């Protein structure tokens, strides 16, 4: 099928089946353009909790499909490619994390949304990069907290809040790979540019950033700030929406280390394609399932996050 035929088929099928397509900012531009909702993890979770659609197709990675199913168990939740995993979620095995939590029984457990349903079930409150600081700030200053799995995001929250949260040693392979040397060279090449960085980046990268924030926060800043050039240290899919929002501005992705590539892409996010999205809607598979016992435990910290984010 041609691209035009795929788009026509997707539009027809989602109307016939009362389906909503949710896409993360790290998806390819053609998927972002056809989605009903494009957003970061918090926005997608909020939509999943409130949609009146019969079916949701989550164009992202597996944990996002699980989160949608946890919040809307009566909906059919699909994901175009079940192989679309997440290195950060994979860095936090539920059995090992449960053992870690039991070793610190007096700690409140805060887990990043980039985790499996089984890890969320061991958690007191879930956070995203958008609301992590806001939620952490709502705990007493002397509260004993575990933060997992992203050590970089956790360390950043510690640095800006003065906390000493106990950090799980996990990381995102995309954000870990940004080259500080190449970033510094870009700053020399574009001295008037603003450097935007996601808090999953290493501290050495964050120290040279003008703005540290979630995907949505970086997008908002690039749209609202008067600067004309931005150097962006997060997954390069966000550049599509940045350029749509500010077509007259220049956006330069920070390259990864040890690579000739000019940008840094998540190979898992890029597994989703228009053809897979079409087949997913047509055949209503692959479907996302979550064990009900795990779902009942996992939904509590997600709902707590949504409440604490207001």
C-alpha atoms as a PDB file:
ATOM      1  CA  UNK A   1       0.000   0.000   0.000  1.00  0.00           C
ATOM      2  CA  UNK A   2       1.122   3.542  -0.664  1.00  0.00           C
ATOM      3  CA  UNK A   3       1.464   6.032   2.172  1.00  0.00           C
ATOM      4  CA  UNK A   4      -1.722   7.773   1.037  1.00  0.00           C
ATOM      5  CA  UNK A   5      -3.607   4.454   1.052  1.00  0.00           C
ATOM      6  CA  UNK A   6      -2.325   3.629   4.534  1.00  0.00           C
ATOM      7  CA  UNK A   7      -3.448   7.008   5.856  1.00  0.00           C
ATOM      8  CA  UNK A   8      -6.862   6.615   4.241  1.00  0.00           C
ATOM      9  CA  UNK A   9      -7.213   3.122   5.710  1.00  0.00           C
ATOM     10  CA  UNK A  10      -6.164   4.222   9.195  1.00  0.00           C
ATOM     11  CA  UNK A  11      -8.652   7.091   9.165  1.00  0.00           C
ATOM     12  CA  UNK A  12     -11.455   4.787   8.006  1.00  0.00           C
ATOM     13  CA  UNK A  13     -10.704   2.052  10.550  1.00  0.00           C
ATOM     14  CA  UNK A  14     -10.449   4.329  13.570  1.00  0.00           C
ATOM     15  CA  UNK A  15     -13.786   5.893  12.697  1.00  0.00           C
ATOM     16  CA  UNK A  16     -15.453   2.491  12.192  1.00  0.00           C
ATOM     17  CA  UNK A  17     -14.057   1.108  15.450  1.00  0.00           C
ATOM     18  CA  UNK A  18     -14.306   4.251  17.611  1.00  0.00           C
ATOM     19  CA  UNK A  19     -10.571   4.060  18.161  1.00  0.00           C
ATOM     20  CA  UNK A  20      -8.238   6.785  19.376  1.00  0.00           C
ATOM     21  CA  UNK A  21      -4.566   6.872  18.362  1.00  0.00           C
ATOM     22  CA  UNK A  22      -2.164   8.079  21.055  1.00  0.00           C
ATOM     23  CA  UNK A  23       1.398   8.877  19.977  1.00  0.00           C
ATOM     24  CA  UNK A  24       4.454   9.865  21.963  1.00  0.00           C
ATOM     25  CA  UNK A  25       6.630  12.765  20.832  1.00  0.00           C
ATOM     26  CA  UNK A  26       9.417  10.289  20.081  1.00  0.00           C
ATOM     27  CA  UNK A  27       7.460   8.631  17.276  1.00  0.00           C
ATOM     28  CA  UNK A  28       8.250   9.369  13.642  1.00  0.00           C
ATOM     29  CA  UNK A  29       6.652  12.467  12.172  1.00  0.00           C
ATOM     30  CA  UNK A  30       4.135  10.597  10.008  1.00  0.00           C
ATOM     31  CA  UNK A  31       2.714   8.798  13.048  1.00  0.00           C
ATOM     32  CA  UNK A  32       2.591  12.019  15.082  1.00  0.00           C
ATOM     33  CA  UNK A  33       0.724  13.716  12.241  1.00  0.00           C
ATOM     34  CA  UNK A  34      -2.009  11.074  12.045  1.00  0.00           C
ATOM     35  CA  UNK A  35      -2.484  10.624  15.811  1.00  0.00           C
ATOM     36  CA  UNK A  36      -5.506  11.966  17.680  1.00  0.00           C
ATOM     37  CA  UNK A  37      -3.292  12.863  20.631  1.00  0.00           C
ATOM     38  CA  UNK A  38       0.441  13.564  20.682  1.00  0.00           C
ATOM     39  CA  UNK A  39       2.114  14.070  24.022  1.00  0.00           C
ATOM     40  CA  UNK A  40       4.585  13.003  26.655  1.00  0.00           C
ATOM     41  CA  UNK A  41       3.965  10.157  29.094  1.00  0.00           C
ATOM     42  CA  UNK A  42       1.884  12.291  31.475  1.00  0.00           C
ATOM     43  CA  UNK A  43      -0.393  13.620  28.740  1.00  0.00           C
ATOM     44  CA  UNK A  44      -0.945  10.147  27.285  1.00  0.00           C
ATOM     45  CA  UNK A  45      -1.757   8.750  30.739  1.00  0.00           C
ATOM     46  CA  UNK A  46      -4.260  11.541  31.359  1.00  0.00           C
ATOM     47  CA  UNK A  47      -5.967  10.881  28.026  1.00  0.00           C
ATOM     48  CA  UNK A  48      -6.047   7.128  28.661  1.00  0.00           C
ATOM     49  CA  UNK A  49      -7.787   7.743  31.971  1.00  0.00           C
ATOM     50  CA  UNK A  50     -10.549   9.840  30.424  1.00  0.00           C
ATOM     51  CA  UNK A  51     -11.168   8.699  26.847  1.00  0.00           C
ATOM     52  CA  UNK A  52     -14.613   7.559  25.754  1.00  0.00           C
ATOM     53  CA  UNK A  53     -13.191   5.579  22.832  1.00  0.00           C
ATOM     54  CA  UNK A  54     -13.781   1.834  22.665  1.00  0.00           C
ATOM     55  CA  UNK A  55     -10.230   1.154  21.564  1.00  0.00           C
ATOM     56  CA  UNK A  56      -6.843   2.797  22.091  1.00  0.00           C
ATOM     57  CA  UNK A  57      -3.819   2.324  19.859  1.00  0.00           C
ATOM     58  CA  UNK A  58      -0.720   3.432  21.736  1.00  0.00           C
ATOM     59  CA  UNK A  59       2.105   4.396  19.409  1.00  0.00           C
ATOM     60  CA  UNK A  60       4.996   4.337  21.799  1.00  0.00           C
ATOM     61  CA  UNK A  61       6.642   1.567  23.777  1.00  0.00           C
ATOM     62  CA  UNK A  62       5.232  -1.295  25.813  1.00  0.00           C
ATOM     63  CA  UNK A  63       5.026   0.358  29.218  1.00  0.00           C
ATOM     64  CA  UNK A  64       2.846   3.105  27.689  1.00  0.00           C
ATOM     65  CA  UNK A  65       0.413   0.482  26.414  1.00  0.00           C
ATOM     66  CA  UNK A  66       0.400  -1.129  29.846  1.00  0.00           C
ATOM     67  CA  UNK A  67      -0.288   2.217  31.515  1.00  0.00           C
ATOM     68  CA  UNK A  68      -3.252   2.807  29.217  1.00  0.00           C
ATOM     69  CA  UNK A  69      -4.626  -0.664  29.999  1.00  0.00           C
ATOM     70  CA  UNK A  70      -4.119  -0.173  33.738  1.00  0.00           C
ATOM     71  CA  UNK A  71      -6.109   3.062  33.636  1.00  0.00           C
ATOM     72  CA  UNK A  72      -8.807   1.810  31.239  1.00  0.00           C
ATOM     73  CA  UNK A  73      -9.187  -1.943  31.778  1.00  0.00           C
ATOM     74  CA  UNK A  74     -12.529  -2.020  29.957  1.00  0.00           C
ATOM     75  CA  UNK A  75     -10.962  -0.664  26.755  1.00  0.00           C
ATOM     76  CA  UNK A  76      -9.164  -2.693  24.120  1.00  0.00           C
ATOM     77  CA  UNK A  77      -5.578  -1.428  24.071  1.00  0.00           C
ATOM     78  CA  UNK A  78      -3.355  -2.137  21.077  1.00  0.00           C
ATOM     79  CA  UNK A  79       0.263  -1.379  20.259  1.00  0.00           C
ATOM     80  CA  UNK A  80       1.595  -1.591  16.698  1.00  0.00           C
ATOM     81  CA  UNK A  81       4.715  -3.591  17.620  1.00  0.00           C
ATOM     82  CA  UNK A  82       5.083  -5.632  20.812  1.00  0.00           C
ATOM     83  CA  UNK A  83       8.854  -5.602  20.321  1.00  0.00           C
ATOM     84  CA  UNK A  84       8.850  -1.872  21.090  1.00  0.00           C
ATOM     85  CA  UNK A  85      10.395  -2.173  24.525  1.00  0.00           C
ATOM     86  CA  UNK A  86      12.200   0.360  26.694  1.00  0.00           C
ATOM     87  CA  UNK A  87      15.802   0.117  27.879  1.00  0.00           C
ATOM     88  CA  UNK A  88      14.956   2.113  31.007  1.00  0.00           C
ATOM     89  CA  UNK A  89      12.053  -0.153  31.955  1.00  0.00           C
ATOM     90  CA  UNK A  90      14.226  -3.178  31.196  1.00  0.00           C
ATOM     91  CA  UNK A  91      16.902  -1.860  33.574  1.00  0.00           C
ATOM     92  CA  UNK A  92      14.515  -2.391  36.499  1.00  0.00           C
ATOM     93  CA  UNK A  93      13.594  -6.053  36.890  1.00  0.00           C
ATOM     94  CA  UNK A  94      10.524  -6.389  39.119  1.00  0.00           C
ATOM     95  CA  UNK A  95      11.948  -9.252  41.210  1.00  0.00           C
ATOM     96  CA  UNK A  96      15.196  -7.399  41.885  1.00  0.00           C
ATOM     97  CA  UNK A  97      13.339  -4.156  42.592  1.00  0.00           C
ATOM     98  CA  UNK A  98      11.014  -5.897  45.047  1.00  0.00           C
ATOM     99  CA  UNK A  99      14.048  -7.234  46.897  1.00  0.00           C
ATOM    100  CA  UNK A 100      15.556  -3.714  46.936  1.00  0.00           C
ATOM    101  CA  UNK A 101      12.322  -2.245  48.310  1.00  0.00           C
ATOM    102  CA  UNK A 102      12.093  -4.890  51.049  1.00  0.00           C
ATOM    103  CA  UNK A 103      15.635  -4.057  52.116  1.00  0.00           C
ATOM    104  CA  UNK A 104      14.414  -0.512  52.868  1.00  0.00           C
ATOM    105  CA  UNK A 105      10.977  -1.019  54.457  1.00  0.00           C
ATOM    106  CA  UNK A 106      10.820   2.479  55.944  1.00  0.00           C
ATOM    107  CA  UNK A 107      11.084   4.173  52.530  1.00  0.00           C
ATOM    108  CA  UNK A 108       8.305   5.498  50.295  1.00  0.00           C
ATOM    109  CA  UNK A 109       8.722   4.187  46.761  1.00  0.00           C
ATOM    110  CA  UNK A 110       8.573   6.648  43.863  1.00  0.00           C
ATOM    111  CA  UNK A 111       8.805   5.085  40.401  1.00  0.00           C
ATOM    112  CA  UNK A 112       9.212   6.762  37.062  1.00  0.00           C
ATOM    113  CA  UNK A 113       6.412   5.990  34.618  1.00  0.00           C
ATOM    114  CA  UNK A 114       9.013   4.292  32.373  1.00  0.00           C
ATOM    115  CA  UNK A 115       8.565   1.001  34.220  1.00  0.00           C
ATOM    116  CA  UNK A 116       6.653  -2.237  33.791  1.00  0.00           C
ATOM    117  CA  UNK A 117       3.261  -2.797  35.367  1.00  0.00           C
ATOM    118  CA  UNK A 118       4.894  -5.204  37.823  1.00  0.00           C
ATOM    119  CA  UNK A 119       7.245  -2.476  39.075  1.00  0.00           C
ATOM    120  CA  UNK A 120       4.415   0.036  39.325  1.00  0.00           C
ATOM    121  CA  UNK A 121       2.597  -2.511  41.508  1.00  0.00           C
ATOM    122  CA  UNK A 122       5.478  -2.211  44.015  1.00  0.00           C
ATOM    123  CA  UNK A 123       5.264   1.576  44.025  1.00  0.00           C
ATOM    124  CA  UNK A 124       3.625   4.177  46.260  1.00  0.00           C
ATOM    125  CA  UNK A 125       3.426   6.925  43.638  1.00  0.00           C
ATOM    126  CA  UNK A 126       4.387   7.092  39.968  1.00  0.00           C
ATOM    127  CA  UNK A 127       5.973  10.205  38.433  1.00  0.00           C
ATOM    128  CA  UNK A 128       6.880  11.508  35.006  1.00  0.00           C
ATOM    129  CA  UNK A 129       9.653  13.935  34.149  1.00  0.00           C
ATOM    130  CA  UNK A 130       6.949  16.618  33.952  1.00  0.00           C
ATOM    131  CA  UNK A 131       5.714  16.219  37.514  1.00  0.00           C
ATOM    132  CA  UNK A 132       8.574  14.469  39.367  1.00  0.00           C
ATOM    133  CA  UNK A 133       9.792  17.538  41.230  1.00  0.00           C
ATOM    134  CA  UNK A 134       6.270  18.717  42.048  1.00  0.00           C
ATOM    135  CA  UNK A 135       5.396  15.342  43.539  1.00  0.00           C
ATOM    136  CA  UNK A 136       8.680  14.891  45.424  1.00  0.00           C
ATOM    137  CA  UNK A 137       8.220  18.373  46.924  1.00  0.00           C
ATOM    138  CA  UNK A 138       4.936  17.244  48.471  1.00  0.00           C
ATOM    139  CA  UNK A 139       6.738  14.826  50.794  1.00  0.00           C
ATOM    140  CA  UNK A 140       8.270  16.057  54.073  1.00  0.00           C
ATOM    141  CA  UNK A 141      11.888  17.179  53.759  1.00  0.00           C
ATOM    142  CA  UNK A 142      13.056  14.348  56.005  1.00  0.00           C
ATOM    143  CA  UNK A 143      11.013  11.653  54.239  1.00  0.00           C
ATOM    144  CA  UNK A 144      12.950   8.554  53.258  1.00  0.00           C
ATOM    145  CA  UNK A 145      12.376   8.023  49.558  1.00  0.00           C
ATOM    146  CA  UNK A 146      13.368   5.448  46.975  1.00  0.00           C
ATOM    147  CA  UNK A 147      13.461   6.717  43.381  1.00  0.00           C
ATOM    148  CA  UNK A 148      13.666   4.355  40.459  1.00  0.00           C
ATOM    149  CA  UNK A 149      14.644   3.398  37.921  1.00  0.00           C
ATOM    150  CA  UNK A 150      16.357   6.380  36.268  1.00  0.00           C
ATOM    151  CA  UNK A 151      19.465   7.355  38.207  1.00  0.00           C
ATOM    152  CA  UNK A 152      19.979  10.525  36.145  1.00  0.00           C
ATOM    153  CA  UNK A 153      16.476  11.888  36.684  1.00  0.00           C
ATOM    154  CA  UNK A 154      16.671  10.918  40.361  1.00  0.00           C
ATOM    155  CA  UNK A 155      20.052  12.620  40.777  1.00  0.00           C
ATOM    156  CA  UNK A 156      18.724  15.740  39.083  1.00  0.00           C
ATOM    157  CA  UNK A 157      15.701  15.869  41.406  1.00  0.00           C
ATOM    158  CA  UNK A 158      18.046  15.394  44.372  1.00  0.00           C
ATOM    159  CA  UNK A 159      20.219  18.277  43.159  1.00  0.00           C
ATOM    160  CA  UNK A 160      17.373  20.772  42.760  1.00  0.00           C
ATOM    161  CA  UNK A 161      15.483  19.804  45.923  1.00  0.00           C
ATOM    162  CA  UNK A 162      18.350  19.099  48.334  1.00  0.00           C
ATOM    163  CA  UNK A 163      16.980  15.586  48.846  1.00  0.00           C
ATOM    164  CA  UNK A 164      18.971  12.418  49.309  1.00  0.00           C
ATOM    165  CA  UNK A 165      16.631   9.931  47.672  1.00  0.00           C
ATOM    166  CA  UNK A 166      17.913   6.384  47.367  1.00  0.00           C
ATOM    167  CA  UNK A 167      18.352   5.775  43.642  1.00  0.00           C
ATOM    168  CA  UNK A 168      17.893   2.606  41.620  1.00  0.00           C
ATOM    169  CA  UNK A 169      20.745   2.191  39.136  1.00  0.00           C
ATOM    170  CA  UNK A 170      18.898   2.310  35.813  1.00  0.00           C
ATOM    171  CA  UNK A 171      19.113   4.536  32.747  1.00  0.00           C
ATOM    172  CA  UNK A 172      17.750   5.225  29.262  1.00  0.00           C
ATOM    173  CA  UNK A 173      20.187   4.151  26.553  1.00  0.00           C
ATOM    174  CA  UNK A 174      19.281   7.139  24.372  1.00  0.00           C
ATOM    175  CA  UNK A 175      19.779   9.849  26.982  1.00  0.00           C
ATOM    176  CA  UNK A 176      22.917   8.186  28.368  1.00  0.00           C
ATOM    177  CA  UNK A 177      24.622   8.421  24.990  1.00  0.00           C
ATOM    178  CA  UNK A 178      24.611  12.149  24.356  1.00  0.00           C
ATOM    179  CA  UNK A 179      28.126  13.407  23.753  1.00  0.00           C
ATOM    180  CA  UNK A 180      29.245  16.262  25.988  1.00  0.00           C
ATOM    181  CA  UNK A 181      32.150  16.988  23.643  1.00  0.00           C
ATOM    182  CA  UNK A 182      29.865  17.286  20.620  1.00  0.00           C
ATOM    183  CA  UNK A 183      27.423  19.402  22.605  1.00  0.00           C
ATOM    184  CA  UNK A 184      30.194  21.814  23.625  1.00  0.00           C
ATOM    185  CA  UNK A 185      31.313  22.034  19.998  1.00  0.00           C
ATOM    186  CA  UNK A 186      27.755  22.851  18.922  1.00  0.00           C
ATOM    187  CA  UNK A 187      27.612  25.605  21.544  1.00  0.00           C
ATOM    188  CA  UNK A 188      30.785  27.106  20.056  1.00  0.00           C
ATOM    189  CA  UNK A 189      29.328  26.839  16.565  1.00  0.00           C
ATOM    190  CA  UNK A 190      26.002  28.392  17.619  1.00  0.00           C
ATOM    191  CA  UNK A 191      26.861  30.766  20.490  1.00  0.00           C
ATOM    192  CA  UNK A 192      23.391  32.338  20.589  1.00  0.00           C
ATOM    193  CA  UNK A 193      21.551  29.019  20.759  1.00  0.00           C
ATOM    194  CA  UNK A 194      19.665  27.842  23.827  1.00  0.00           C
ATOM    195  CA  UNK A 195      20.551  24.325  24.985  1.00  0.00           C
ATOM    196  CA  UNK A 196      17.517  22.224  25.941  1.00  0.00           C
ATOM    197  CA  UNK A 197      18.099  18.955  27.829  1.00  0.00           C
ATOM    198  CA  UNK A 198      15.918  16.213  29.267  1.00  0.00           C
ATOM    199  CA  UNK A 199      16.682  15.310  32.911  1.00  0.00           C
ATOM    200  CA  UNK A 200      17.351  11.686  31.890  1.00  0.00           C
ATOM    201  CA  UNK A 201      20.661  12.975  30.469  1.00  0.00           C
ATOM    202  CA  UNK A 202      23.868  12.597  32.449  1.00  0.00           C
ATOM    203  CA  UNK A 203      24.735  15.376  34.897  1.00  0.00           C
ATOM    204  CA  UNK A 204      27.671  16.512  32.742  1.00  0.00           C
ATOM    205  CA  UNK A 205      25.239  17.304  29.924  1.00  0.00           C
ATOM    206  CA  UNK A 206      22.720  18.978  32.229  1.00  0.00           C
ATOM    207  CA  UNK A 207      25.359  21.350  33.612  1.00  0.00           C
ATOM    208  CA  UNK A 208      25.760  23.035  30.225  1.00  0.00           C
ATOM    209  CA  UNK A 209      22.017  23.228  29.471  1.00  0.00           C
ATOM    210  CA  UNK A 210      20.074  26.475  29.588  1.00  0.00           C
ATOM    211  CA  UNK A 211      16.839  24.609  30.261  1.00  0.00           C
ATOM    212  CA  UNK A 212      16.312  21.189  31.837  1.00  0.00           C
ATOM    213  CA  UNK A 213      12.814  19.807  31.514  1.00  0.00           C
ATOM    214  CA  UNK A 214      10.411  17.173  30.314  1.00  0.00           C
ATOM    215  CA  UNK A 215       9.707  16.675  26.631  1.00  0.00           C
ATOM    216  CA  UNK A 216       6.602  18.858  26.929  1.00  0.00           C
ATOM    217  CA  UNK A 217       8.455  21.537  28.884  1.00  0.00           C
ATOM    218  CA  UNK A 218      11.226  21.706  26.283  1.00  0.00           C
ATOM    219  CA  UNK A 219       8.658  21.980  23.506  1.00  0.00           C
ATOM    220  CA  UNK A 220       6.841  24.779  25.311  1.00  0.00           C
ATOM    221  CA  UNK A 221      10.083  26.664  25.945  1.00  0.00           C
ATOM    222  CA  UNK A 222      11.195  26.405  22.325  1.00  0.00           C
ATOM    223  CA  UNK A 223       7.846  27.801  21.195  1.00  0.00           C
ATOM    224  CA  UNK A 224       7.621  30.637  23.717  1.00  0.00           C
ATOM    225  CA  UNK A 225      11.229  31.801  23.977  1.00  0.00           C
ATOM    226  CA  UNK A 226      12.457  34.521  21.648  1.00  0.00           C
ATOM    227  CA  UNK A 227      15.662  32.644  20.771  1.00  0.00           C
ATOM    228  CA  UNK A 228      15.891  31.521  17.142  1.00  0.00           C
ATOM    229  CA  UNK A 229      18.225  28.550  17.523  1.00  0.00           C
ATOM    230  CA  UNK A 230      17.989  25.611  19.916  1.00  0.00           C
ATOM    231  CA  UNK A 231      20.357  22.721  20.582  1.00  0.00           C
ATOM    232  CA  UNK A 232      18.259  19.789  21.756  1.00  0.00           C
ATOM    233  CA  UNK A 233      19.448  16.918  23.966  1.00  0.00           C
ATOM    234  CA  UNK A 234      16.573  14.465  23.972  1.00  0.00           C
ATOM    235  CA  UNK A 235      15.219  11.877  21.540  1.00  0.00           C
ATOM    236  CA  UNK A 236      15.137  13.548  18.141  1.00  0.00           C
ATOM    237  CA  UNK A 237      11.464  12.735  17.449  1.00  0.00           C
ATOM    238  CA  UNK A 238      10.508  15.860  19.397  1.00  0.00           C
ATOM    239  CA  UNK A 239      12.119  18.019  16.709  1.00  0.00           C
ATOM    240  CA  UNK A 240       9.154  17.269  14.432  1.00  0.00           C
ATOM    241  CA  UNK A 241       6.706  19.004  16.771  1.00  0.00           C
ATOM    242  CA  UNK A 242       9.195  21.764  17.595  1.00  0.00           C
ATOM    243  CA  UNK A 243       9.550  22.600  13.907  1.00  0.00           C
ATOM    244  CA  UNK A 244       5.776  22.478  13.406  1.00  0.00           C
ATOM    245  CA  UNK A 245       5.243  24.839  16.341  1.00  0.00           C
ATOM    246  CA  UNK A 246       8.074  27.205  15.355  1.00  0.00           C
ATOM    247  CA  UNK A 247       8.734  26.820  11.611  1.00  0.00           C
ATOM    248  CA  UNK A 248      11.021  29.845  11.456  1.00  0.00           C
ATOM    249  CA  UNK A 249      13.359  28.625  14.184  1.00  0.00           C
ATOM    250  CA  UNK A 250      16.344  26.278  13.914  1.00  0.00           C
ATOM    251  CA  UNK A 251      16.585  23.056  15.935  1.00  0.00           C
ATOM    252  CA  UNK A 252      19.835  21.116  16.175  1.00  0.00           C
ATOM    253  CA  UNK A 253      19.911  17.629  17.736  1.00  0.00           C
ATOM    254  CA  UNK A 254      22.844  16.684  19.959  1.00  0.00           C
ATOM    255  CA  UNK A 255      24.584  13.608  18.507  1.00  0.00           C
ATOM    256  CA  UNK A 256      25.385  10.489  20.539  1.00  0.00           C
ATOM    257  CA  UNK A 257      28.913   9.463  21.451  1.00  0.00           C
ATOM    258  CA  UNK A 258      30.892   7.144  19.166  1.00  0.00           C
ATOM    259  CA  UNK A 259      28.629   7.697  16.185  1.00  0.00           C
ATOM    260  CA  UNK A 260      28.649   9.548  12.892  1.00  0.00           C
ATOM    261  CA  UNK A 261      24.870   9.988  13.172  1.00  0.00           C
ATOM    262  CA  UNK A 262      23.742  13.603  13.510  1.00  0.00           C
ATOM    263  CA  UNK A 263      20.917  12.758  15.915  1.00  0.00           C
ATOM    264  CA  UNK A 264      20.028  10.327  18.679  1.00  0.00           C
ATOM    265  CA  UNK A 265      17.039   8.056  18.043  1.00  0.00           C
ATOM    266  CA  UNK A 266      15.334   5.385  20.160  1.00  0.00           C
ATOM    267  CA  UNK A 267      15.401   2.205  18.092  1.00  0.00           C
ATOM    268  CA  UNK A 268      12.414   0.876  20.061  1.00  0.00           C
ATOM    269  CA  UNK A 269      10.239   3.924  19.384  1.00  0.00           C
ATOM    270  CA  UNK A 270      11.073   3.680  15.677  1.00  0.00           C
ATOM    271  CA  UNK A 271       9.740   0.119  15.416  1.00  0.00           C
ATOM    272  CA  UNK A 272       6.241   1.553  15.007  1.00  0.00           C
ATOM    273  CA  UNK A 273       5.349   2.406  11.399  1.00  0.00           C
ATOM    274  CA  UNK A 274       2.253   3.514   9.474  1.00  0.00           C
ATOM    275  CA  UNK A 275       1.937   0.019   7.994  1.00  0.00           C
ATOM    276  CA  UNK A 276       2.026  -1.601  11.447  1.00  0.00           C
ATOM    277  CA  UNK A 277      -0.472   0.960  12.719  1.00  0.00           C
ATOM    278  CA  UNK A 278      -2.841   0.110   9.861  1.00  0.00           C
ATOM    279  CA  UNK A 279      -2.513  -3.650  10.427  1.00  0.00           C
ATOM    280  CA  UNK A 280      -2.963  -3.146  14.157  1.00  0.00           C
ATOM    281  CA  UNK A 281      -6.294  -1.406  13.614  1.00  0.00           C
ATOM    282  CA  UNK A 282      -7.372  -3.844  10.926  1.00  0.00           C
ATOM    283  CA  UNK A 283      -6.644  -7.034  12.887  1.00  0.00           C
ATOM    284  CA  UNK A 284      -7.026  -5.579  16.412  1.00  0.00           C
ATOM    285  CA  UNK A 285      -3.710  -7.087  17.412  1.00  0.00           C
ATOM    286  CA  UNK A 286      -1.203  -7.045  19.108  1.00  0.00           C
ATOM    287  CA  UNK A 287      -3.351  -6.429  22.166  1.00  0.00           C
ATOM    288  CA  UNK A 288      -1.960  -5.343  25.528  1.00  0.00           C
ATOM    289  CA  UNK A 289      -2.962  -7.399  28.568  1.00  0.00           C
ATOM    290  CA  UNK A 290      -2.140  -6.808  32.234  1.00  0.00           C
ATOM    291  CA  UNK A 291      -2.713  -9.391  34.960  1.00  0.00           C
ATOM    292  CA  UNK A 292      -5.652  -8.165  37.030  1.00  0.00           C
ATOM    293  CA  UNK A 293      -3.897  -8.593  40.389  1.00  0.00           C
ATOM    294  CA  UNK A 294      -0.970  -6.529  39.148  1.00  0.00           C
ATOM    295  CA  UNK A 295      -3.311  -4.009  37.530  1.00  0.00           C
ATOM    296  CA  UNK A 296      -5.223  -3.428  40.775  1.00  0.00           C
ATOM    297  CA  UNK A 297      -1.965  -2.714  42.589  1.00  0.00           C
ATOM    298  CA  UNK A 298      -0.425  -0.664  39.773  1.00  0.00           C
ATOM    299  CA  UNK A 299      -3.397   1.628  39.232  1.00  0.00           C
ATOM    300  CA  UNK A 300      -3.187   3.066  42.755  1.00  0.00           C
ATOM    301  CA  UNK A 301       0.190   4.851  42.380  1.00  0.00           C
ATOM    302  CA  UNK A 302      -0.794   6.088  38.913  1.00  0.00           C
ATOM    303  CA  UNK A 303      -4.042   7.591  40.192  1.00  0.00           C
ATOM    304  CA  UNK A 304      -2.107   9.082  43.093  1.00  0.00           C
ATOM    305  CA  UNK A 305       0.231  10.707  40.566  1.00  0.00           C
ATOM    306  CA  UNK A 306      -2.678  12.157  38.604  1.00  0.00           C
ATOM    307  CA  UNK A 307      -4.165  13.572  41.808  1.00  0.00           C
ATOM    308  CA  UNK A 308      -0.850  15.013  43.042  1.00  0.00           C
ATOM    309  CA  UNK A 309      -0.227  16.568  39.618  1.00  0.00           C
ATOM    310  CA  UNK A 310      -3.289  18.821  39.756  1.00  0.00           C
END
